[in-house]
């Protein structure tokens, strides 16, 4: 065999080996590009999801602030209601105390005294009116005689 043929065969073997390696590198590069595109899609989807999550968090934060304000408002109303309940309870206790049989009897006797006084005044006024009517009748009777 000639030396140039041996060199040519060796060069041919190297070129084939090199082209096999290049084909392997090309396949790996294509697979890496495909994987890269898949990951870009996943990242894009997650970015969209992340944006949605951030918007949800912001809406939740705003809703929580509104709810906290409403809770404070309701707590203030509850405090006012408690004060009103205490006032009503005190008034009820005072009314219950005033409704004892002795208190009722005392109130009735006071009202009876007032009514007796008014009845006496009415009698006096009725008597005065009766005297005026009698006087007017007398005047009318004396006027007819003239």
N, C-alpha and C. Protein backbone atom coordinates (compact mmCIF):
# COMPACT_ATOMS: atom_id res chain seq x y z
N UNK A 1 0.80 -1.14 0.00
CA UNK A 1 0.00 0.00 0.00
C UNK A 1 0.87 1.25 0.00
N UNK A 2 0.31 2.12 -0.64
CA UNK A 2 1.11 3.32 -0.83
C UNK A 2 0.93 4.24 0.37
N UNK A 3 1.89 5.04 0.65
CA UNK A 3 1.79 5.90 1.82
C UNK A 3 0.70 6.96 1.66
N UNK A 4 0.46 7.45 0.44
CA UNK A 4 -0.57 8.46 0.29
C UNK A 4 -1.96 7.85 0.44
N UNK A 5 -2.13 6.57 0.06
CA UNK A 5 -3.41 5.92 0.21
C UNK A 5 -3.68 5.69 1.70
N UNK A 6 -2.70 5.31 2.44
CA UNK A 6 -2.88 5.10 3.88
C UNK A 6 -3.24 6.43 4.54
N UNK A 7 -2.58 7.49 4.12
CA UNK A 7 -2.87 8.80 4.70
C UNK A 7 -4.29 9.22 4.31
N UNK A 8 -4.66 8.90 3.04
CA UNK A 8 -6.00 9.26 2.61
C UNK A 8 -7.05 8.50 3.41
N UNK A 9 -6.82 7.23 3.64
CA UNK A 9 -7.76 6.43 4.42
C UNK A 9 -7.84 6.94 5.87
N UNK A 10 -6.69 7.28 6.39
CA UNK A 10 -6.67 7.81 7.76
C UNK A 10 -7.43 9.13 7.82
N UNK A 11 -7.21 9.98 6.80
CA UNK A 11 -7.90 11.26 6.73
C UNK A 11 -9.40 11.03 6.54
N UNK A 12 -9.78 10.05 5.72
CA UNK A 12 -11.17 9.73 5.49
C UNK A 12 -11.82 9.23 6.78
N UNK A 13 -11.13 8.41 7.54
CA UNK A 13 -11.64 7.91 8.80
C UNK A 13 -11.82 9.06 9.79
N UNK A 14 -10.86 9.98 9.81
CA UNK A 14 -10.96 11.13 10.70
C UNK A 14 -12.15 12.01 10.31
N UNK A 15 -12.34 12.22 9.00
CA UNK A 15 -13.45 13.06 8.53
C UNK A 15 -14.78 12.40 8.90
N UNK A 16 -14.90 11.07 8.70
CA UNK A 16 -16.14 10.37 9.06
C UNK A 16 -16.38 10.45 10.56
N UNK A 17 -15.32 10.24 11.33
CA UNK A 17 -15.42 10.31 12.77
C UNK A 17 -15.84 11.73 13.18
N UNK A 18 -15.21 12.70 12.53
CA UNK A 18 -15.52 14.09 12.83
C UNK A 18 -16.96 14.41 12.44
N UNK A 19 -17.41 13.91 11.27
CA UNK A 19 -18.79 14.18 10.86
C UNK A 19 -19.78 13.46 11.78
N UNK A 20 -19.44 12.28 12.29
CA UNK A 20 -20.31 11.61 13.26
C UNK A 20 -20.41 12.43 14.55
N UNK A 21 -19.26 12.95 14.97
CA UNK A 21 -19.26 13.78 16.18
C UNK A 21 -20.08 15.06 15.94
N UNK A 22 -19.89 15.67 14.75
CA UNK A 22 -20.65 16.87 14.44
C UNK A 22 -22.15 16.58 14.40
N UNK A 23 -22.54 15.41 13.84
CA UNK A 23 -23.95 15.02 13.80
C UNK A 23 -24.48 14.87 15.23
N UNK A 24 -23.68 14.28 16.10
CA UNK A 24 -24.07 14.14 17.51
C UNK A 24 -24.23 15.50 18.18
N UNK A 25 -23.24 16.38 17.92
CA UNK A 25 -23.33 17.73 18.49
C UNK A 25 -24.56 18.47 17.96
N UNK A 26 -24.85 18.28 16.65
CA UNK A 26 -26.00 18.94 16.04
C UNK A 26 -27.29 18.43 16.70
N UNK A 27 -27.39 17.09 16.87
CA UNK A 27 -28.58 16.53 17.52
C UNK A 27 -28.72 17.10 18.94
N UNK A 28 -27.63 17.15 19.68
CA UNK A 28 -27.68 17.70 21.04
C UNK A 28 -28.06 19.17 21.04
N UNK A 29 -27.54 19.93 20.05
CA UNK A 29 -27.87 21.35 19.95
C UNK A 29 -29.35 21.53 19.63
N UNK A 30 -29.89 20.72 18.70
CA UNK A 30 -31.31 20.81 18.37
C UNK A 30 -32.18 20.43 19.57
N UNK A 31 -31.78 19.39 20.28
CA UNK A 31 -32.53 19.00 21.49
C UNK A 31 -32.46 20.10 22.53
N UNK A 32 -31.29 20.74 22.68
CA UNK A 32 -31.14 21.84 23.65
C UNK A 32 -32.01 23.02 23.24
N UNK A 33 -32.07 23.32 21.93
CA UNK A 33 -32.92 24.41 21.47
C UNK A 33 -34.39 24.11 21.75
N UNK A 34 -34.81 22.87 21.48
CA UNK A 34 -36.20 22.48 21.75
C UNK A 34 -36.51 22.61 23.23
N UNK A 35 -35.60 22.14 24.06
CA UNK A 35 -35.78 22.23 25.51
C UNK A 35 -35.82 23.69 25.95
N UNK A 36 -34.97 24.50 25.32
CA UNK A 36 -34.93 25.93 25.63
C UNK A 36 -36.27 26.59 25.30
N UNK A 37 -36.85 26.23 24.12
CA UNK A 37 -38.15 26.78 23.75
C UNK A 37 -39.23 26.33 24.74
N UNK A 38 -39.19 25.06 25.15
CA UNK A 38 -40.15 24.56 26.14
C UNK A 38 -40.03 25.35 27.44
N UNK A 39 -38.80 25.55 27.89
CA UNK A 39 -38.58 26.30 29.13
C UNK A 39 -39.01 27.75 28.99
N UNK A 40 -38.80 28.34 27.81
CA UNK A 40 -39.26 29.71 27.59
C UNK A 40 -40.78 29.78 27.69
N UNK A 41 -41.47 28.77 27.14
CA UNK A 41 -42.92 28.74 27.24
C UNK A 41 -43.36 28.60 28.70
N UNK A 42 -42.69 27.71 29.40
CA UNK A 42 -43.03 27.52 30.83
C UNK A 42 -42.80 28.82 31.59
N UNK A 43 -41.67 29.48 31.32
CA UNK A 43 -41.37 30.75 31.99
C UNK A 43 -42.41 31.80 31.62
N UNK A 44 -42.79 31.85 30.33
CA UNK A 44 -43.80 32.83 29.90
C UNK A 44 -45.13 32.55 30.59
N UNK A 45 -45.50 31.25 30.66
CA UNK A 45 -46.74 30.91 31.35
C UNK A 45 -46.66 31.26 32.83
N UNK A 46 -45.51 30.98 33.42
CA UNK A 46 -45.35 31.30 34.84
C UNK A 46 -45.30 32.80 35.06
N UNK A 47 -44.70 33.53 34.11
CA UNK A 47 -44.72 34.99 34.24
C UNK A 47 -46.15 35.49 34.20
N UNK A 48 -46.95 34.92 33.27
CA UNK A 48 -48.37 35.29 33.22
C UNK A 48 -49.05 34.91 34.51
N UNK A 49 -48.77 33.72 34.99
CA UNK A 49 -49.34 33.26 36.25
C UNK A 49 -48.84 34.13 37.40
N UNK A 50 -47.57 34.48 37.36
CA UNK A 50 -47.01 35.33 38.41
C UNK A 50 -47.67 36.70 38.40
N UNK A 51 -47.91 37.23 37.20
CA UNK A 51 -48.60 38.52 37.11
C UNK A 51 -50.00 38.40 37.67
N UNK A 52 -50.68 37.30 37.32
CA UNK A 52 -52.03 37.07 37.86
C UNK A 52 -51.98 36.92 39.38
N UNK A 53 -51.00 36.20 39.86
CA UNK A 53 -50.87 36.00 41.31
C UNK A 53 -50.61 37.34 42.00
N UNK A 54 -49.75 38.15 41.41
CA UNK A 54 -49.50 39.48 41.99
C UNK A 54 -50.76 40.32 42.01
N UNK A 55 -51.54 40.27 40.91
CA UNK A 55 -52.79 41.02 40.86
C UNK A 55 -53.76 40.49 41.92
N UNK A 56 -53.82 39.15 42.08
CA UNK A 56 -54.68 38.57 43.11
C UNK A 56 -54.25 39.01 44.50
N UNK A 57 -52.94 39.03 44.72
CA UNK A 57 -52.43 39.46 46.03
C UNK A 57 -52.80 40.92 46.28
N UNK A 58 -52.67 41.74 45.24
CA UNK A 58 -53.01 43.16 45.40
C UNK A 58 -54.51 43.31 45.69
N UNK A 59 -55.36 42.57 44.94
CA UNK A 59 -56.80 42.64 45.20
C UNK A 59 -57.12 42.14 46.60
N UNK A 60 -56.45 41.07 47.01
CA UNK A 60 -56.68 40.53 48.36
C UNK A 60 -56.27 41.53 49.43
N UNK A 61 -55.15 42.20 49.19
CA UNK A 61 -54.68 43.21 50.15
C UNK A 61 -55.67 44.35 50.26
N UNK A 62 -56.19 44.80 49.11
CA UNK A 62 -57.18 45.88 49.12
C UNK A 62 -58.46 45.43 49.81
N UNK A 63 -58.90 44.20 49.50
CA UNK A 63 -60.11 43.67 50.14
C UNK A 63 -59.91 43.55 51.64
N UNK A 64 -58.74 43.12 52.05
CA UNK A 64 -58.46 42.99 53.48
C UNK A 64 -58.50 44.35 54.16
N UNK A 65 -57.94 45.38 53.51
CA UNK A 65 -57.97 46.72 54.09
C UNK A 65 -59.41 47.20 54.23
N UNK A 66 -60.23 46.94 53.21
CA UNK A 66 -61.64 47.33 53.28
C UNK A 66 -62.34 46.58 54.41
N UNK A 67 -62.08 45.29 54.51
CA UNK A 67 -62.70 44.50 55.57
C UNK A 67 -62.25 44.94 56.96
N UNK A 68 -60.97 45.28 57.09
CA UNK A 68 -60.48 45.75 58.39
C UNK A 68 -61.16 47.06 58.77
N UNK A 69 -61.35 47.95 57.79
CA UNK A 69 -62.05 49.20 58.06
C UNK A 69 -63.49 48.91 58.49
N UNK A 70 -64.13 47.97 57.81
CA UNK A 70 -65.51 47.61 58.14
C UNK A 70 -65.58 47.00 59.54
N UNK A 71 -64.59 46.18 59.89
CA UNK A 71 -64.54 45.57 61.22
C UNK A 71 -64.41 46.66 62.28
N UNK A 72 -63.52 47.64 62.03
CA UNK A 72 -63.37 48.74 63.00
C UNK A 72 -64.68 49.51 63.15
N UNK A 73 -65.37 49.74 62.03
CA UNK A 73 -66.65 50.44 62.06
C UNK A 73 -67.67 49.65 62.87
N UNK A 74 -67.72 48.34 62.63
CA UNK A 74 -68.67 47.50 63.36
C UNK A 74 -68.32 47.41 64.84
N UNK A 75 -67.02 47.39 65.15
CA UNK A 75 -66.62 47.37 66.56
C UNK A 75 -67.06 48.65 67.26
N UNK A 76 -66.93 49.80 66.56
CA UNK A 76 -67.37 51.07 67.15
C UNK A 76 -68.88 51.03 67.38
N UNK A 77 -69.62 50.50 66.40
CA UNK A 77 -71.08 50.40 66.57
C UNK A 77 -71.42 49.46 67.72
N UNK A 78 -70.65 48.39 67.85
CA UNK A 78 -70.89 47.44 68.94
C UNK A 78 -70.66 48.12 70.29
N UNK A 79 -69.63 48.95 70.38
CA UNK A 79 -69.37 49.67 71.63
C UNK A 79 -70.53 50.61 71.95
N UNK A 80 -71.03 51.32 70.93
CA UNK A 80 -72.17 52.21 71.15
C UNK A 80 -73.40 51.40 71.58
N UNK A 81 -73.57 50.24 70.97
CA UNK A 81 -74.70 49.39 71.34
C UNK A 81 -74.57 48.91 72.78
N UNK A 82 -73.35 48.58 73.21
CA UNK A 82 -73.13 48.15 74.59
C UNK A 82 -73.50 49.27 75.55
N UNK A 83 -73.08 50.49 75.24
CA UNK A 83 -73.41 51.63 76.09
C UNK A 83 -74.92 51.81 76.15
N UNK A 84 -75.59 51.68 75.00
CA UNK A 84 -77.04 51.82 74.96
C UNK A 84 -77.72 50.72 75.76
N UNK A 85 -77.21 49.51 75.67
CA UNK A 85 -77.76 48.40 76.45
C UNK A 85 -77.62 48.68 77.95
N UNK A 86 -76.46 49.18 78.36
CA UNK A 86 -76.27 49.51 79.77
C UNK A 86 -77.24 50.60 80.21
N UNK A 87 -77.47 51.59 79.34
CA UNK A 87 -78.40 52.67 79.68
C UNK A 87 -79.81 52.11 79.82
N UNK A 88 -80.20 51.24 78.88
CA UNK A 88 -81.55 50.66 78.93
C UNK A 88 -81.69 49.76 80.16
N UNK A 89 -80.64 49.01 80.48
CA UNK A 89 -80.71 48.16 81.66
C UNK A 89 -80.88 49.00 82.92
N UNK A 90 -80.16 50.12 83.00
CA UNK A 90 -80.30 51.00 84.17
C UNK A 90 -81.71 51.58 84.23
N UNK A 91 -82.24 51.99 83.08
CA UNK A 91 -83.60 52.53 83.05
C UNK A 91 -84.61 51.45 83.45
N UNK A 92 -84.38 50.22 82.97
CA UNK A 92 -85.27 49.12 83.32
C UNK A 92 -85.21 48.83 84.82
N UNK A 93 -84.00 48.85 85.36
CA UNK A 93 -83.86 48.60 86.80
C UNK A 93 -84.59 49.68 87.59
N UNK A 94 -84.45 50.94 87.13
CA UNK A 94 -85.15 52.03 87.82
C UNK A 94 -86.66 51.86 87.69
N UNK A 95 -87.11 51.46 86.51
CA UNK A 95 -88.55 51.26 86.30
C UNK A 95 -89.05 50.08 87.12
N UNK A 96 -88.25 49.02 87.17
CA UNK A 96 -88.65 47.84 87.96
C UNK A 96 -88.73 48.20 89.43
N UNK A 97 -87.82 49.05 89.87
CA UNK A 97 -87.83 49.48 91.26
C UNK A 97 -89.05 50.34 91.54
N UNK A 98 -89.45 51.13 90.52
CA UNK A 98 -90.61 52.02 90.70
C UNK A 98 -91.91 51.25 90.63
N UNK A 99 -91.89 50.01 90.18
CA UNK A 99 -93.11 49.24 90.01
C UNK A 99 -93.39 48.34 91.21
N UNK A 100 -92.67 48.52 92.27
CA UNK A 100 -92.96 47.72 93.47
C UNK A 100 -94.36 48.10 93.96
N UNK A 101 -95.02 47.21 94.67
CA UNK A 101 -96.39 47.51 95.15
C UNK A 101 -96.45 48.81 95.97
N UNK A 102 -95.44 49.05 96.78
CA UNK A 102 -95.44 50.28 97.58
C UNK A 102 -95.32 51.51 96.67
N UNK A 103 -94.45 51.40 95.64
CA UNK A 103 -94.26 52.53 94.74
C UNK A 103 -95.52 52.78 93.93
N UNK A 104 -96.17 51.71 93.49
CA UNK A 104 -97.40 51.86 92.72
C UNK A 104 -98.47 52.48 93.60
N UNK A 105 -98.58 52.01 94.84
CA UNK A 105 -99.58 52.55 95.77
C UNK A 105 -99.31 54.03 96.04
N UNK A 106 -98.05 54.37 96.22
CA UNK A 106 -97.69 55.77 96.46
C UNK A 106 -98.05 56.62 95.24
N UNK A 107 -97.75 56.13 94.05
CA UNK A 107 -98.04 56.88 92.82
C UNK A 107 -99.54 57.05 92.65
N UNK A 108 -100.29 55.97 92.93
CA UNK A 108 -101.74 56.06 92.81
C UNK A 108 -102.33 57.05 93.81
N UNK A 109 -101.84 57.04 95.04
CA UNK A 109 -102.36 57.98 96.04
C UNK A 109 -102.02 59.42 95.65
N UNK A 110 -100.83 59.61 95.07
CA UNK A 110 -100.45 60.96 94.61
C UNK A 110 -101.38 61.41 93.48
N UNK A 111 -101.65 60.48 92.53
CA UNK A 111 -102.56 60.81 91.44
C UNK A 111 -103.98 61.07 91.95
N UNK A 112 -104.42 60.27 92.95
CA UNK A 112 -105.74 60.48 93.55
C UNK A 112 -105.82 61.86 94.20
N UNK A 113 -104.77 62.25 94.90
CA UNK A 113 -104.74 63.57 95.53
C UNK A 113 -104.85 64.66 94.47
N UNK A 114 -104.11 64.48 93.36
CA UNK A 114 -104.19 65.47 92.29
C UNK A 114 -105.60 65.53 91.71
N UNK A 115 -106.19 64.33 91.51
CA UNK A 115 -107.54 64.30 90.95
C UNK A 115 -108.56 64.91 91.91
N UNK A 116 -108.41 64.66 93.22
CA UNK A 116 -109.31 65.27 94.21
C UNK A 116 -109.19 66.79 94.17
N UNK A 117 -107.96 67.28 94.05
CA UNK A 117 -107.75 68.73 93.97
C UNK A 117 -108.42 69.30 92.73
N UNK A 118 -108.25 68.60 91.59
CA UNK A 118 -108.88 69.08 90.35
C UNK A 118 -110.40 69.00 90.44
N UNK A 119 -110.91 67.95 91.12
CA UNK A 119 -112.35 67.81 91.30
C UNK A 119 -112.90 68.95 92.18
N UNK A 120 -112.16 69.31 93.20
CA UNK A 120 -112.58 70.43 94.06
C UNK A 120 -112.61 71.73 93.26
N UNK A 121 -111.57 71.93 92.43
CA UNK A 121 -111.55 73.13 91.60
C UNK A 121 -112.73 73.13 90.63
N UNK A 122 -113.04 71.96 90.07
CA UNK A 122 -114.16 71.87 89.14
C UNK A 122 -115.49 72.16 89.86
N UNK A 123 -115.63 71.69 91.11
CA UNK A 123 -116.84 71.97 91.88
C UNK A 123 -116.99 73.47 92.11
N UNK A 124 -115.86 74.11 92.48
CA UNK A 124 -115.90 75.56 92.71
C UNK A 124 -116.31 76.30 91.45
N UNK A 125 -115.72 75.90 90.33
CA UNK A 125 -116.05 76.56 89.06
C UNK A 125 -117.51 76.30 88.69
N UNK A 126 -117.97 75.06 88.91
CA UNK A 126 -119.37 74.75 88.60
C UNK A 126 -120.29 75.58 89.50
N UNK A 127 -119.92 75.73 90.76
CA UNK A 127 -120.74 76.53 91.68
C UNK A 127 -120.76 77.99 91.22
N UNK A 128 -119.59 78.50 90.81
CA UNK A 128 -119.53 79.88 90.33
C UNK A 128 -120.38 80.05 89.08
N UNK A 129 -120.28 79.07 88.17
CA UNK A 129 -121.09 79.15 86.95
C UNK A 129 -122.59 79.08 87.30
N UNK A 130 -122.92 78.21 88.24
CA UNK A 130 -124.33 78.12 88.68
C UNK A 130 -124.81 79.45 89.23
N UNK A 131 -123.97 80.12 90.05
CA UNK A 131 -124.34 81.41 90.61
C UNK A 131 -124.49 82.45 89.50
N UNK A 132 -123.62 82.42 88.52
CA UNK A 132 -123.72 83.37 87.40
C UNK A 132 -125.00 83.14 86.60
N UNK A 133 -125.32 81.85 86.38
CA UNK A 133 -126.55 81.53 85.64
C UNK A 133 -127.76 82.01 86.44
N UNK A 134 -127.76 81.77 87.73
CA UNK A 134 -128.86 82.23 88.58
C UNK A 134 -128.97 83.75 88.54
N UNK A 135 -127.80 84.41 88.59
CA UNK A 135 -127.81 85.86 88.53
C UNK A 135 -128.36 86.35 87.20
N UNK A 136 -127.93 85.71 86.11
CA UNK A 136 -128.41 86.11 84.80
C UNK A 136 -129.92 85.86 84.67
N UNK A 137 -130.40 84.78 85.24
CA UNK A 137 -131.84 84.50 85.18
C UNK A 137 -132.63 85.55 85.99
N UNK A 138 -132.02 85.91 87.11
CA UNK A 138 -132.67 86.94 87.92
C UNK A 138 -132.71 88.26 87.15
N UNK A 139 -131.60 88.55 86.46
CA UNK A 139 -131.54 89.79 85.70
C UNK A 139 -132.55 89.75 84.54
N UNK A 140 -132.68 88.59 83.94
CA UNK A 140 -133.62 88.45 82.84
C UNK A 140 -135.06 88.58 83.41
N UNK A 141 -135.27 87.96 84.55
CA UNK A 141 -136.60 88.03 85.18
C UNK A 141 -136.93 89.44 85.61
N UNK A 142 -136.02 90.22 86.11
CA UNK A 142 -136.23 91.58 86.52
C UNK A 142 -136.39 92.47 85.31
N UNK A 143 -135.72 92.12 84.24
CA UNK A 143 -135.83 92.92 83.01
C UNK A 143 -137.18 92.75 82.39
N UNK A 144 -137.81 91.61 82.56
CA UNK A 144 -139.14 91.38 81.96
C UNK A 144 -140.20 92.14 82.74
N UNK A 145 -139.95 92.38 84.03
CA UNK A 145 -140.91 93.09 84.86
C UNK A 145 -140.89 94.56 84.54
N UNK A 146 -139.87 95.08 84.06
CA UNK A 146 -139.79 96.52 83.81
C UNK A 146 -140.64 96.94 82.75
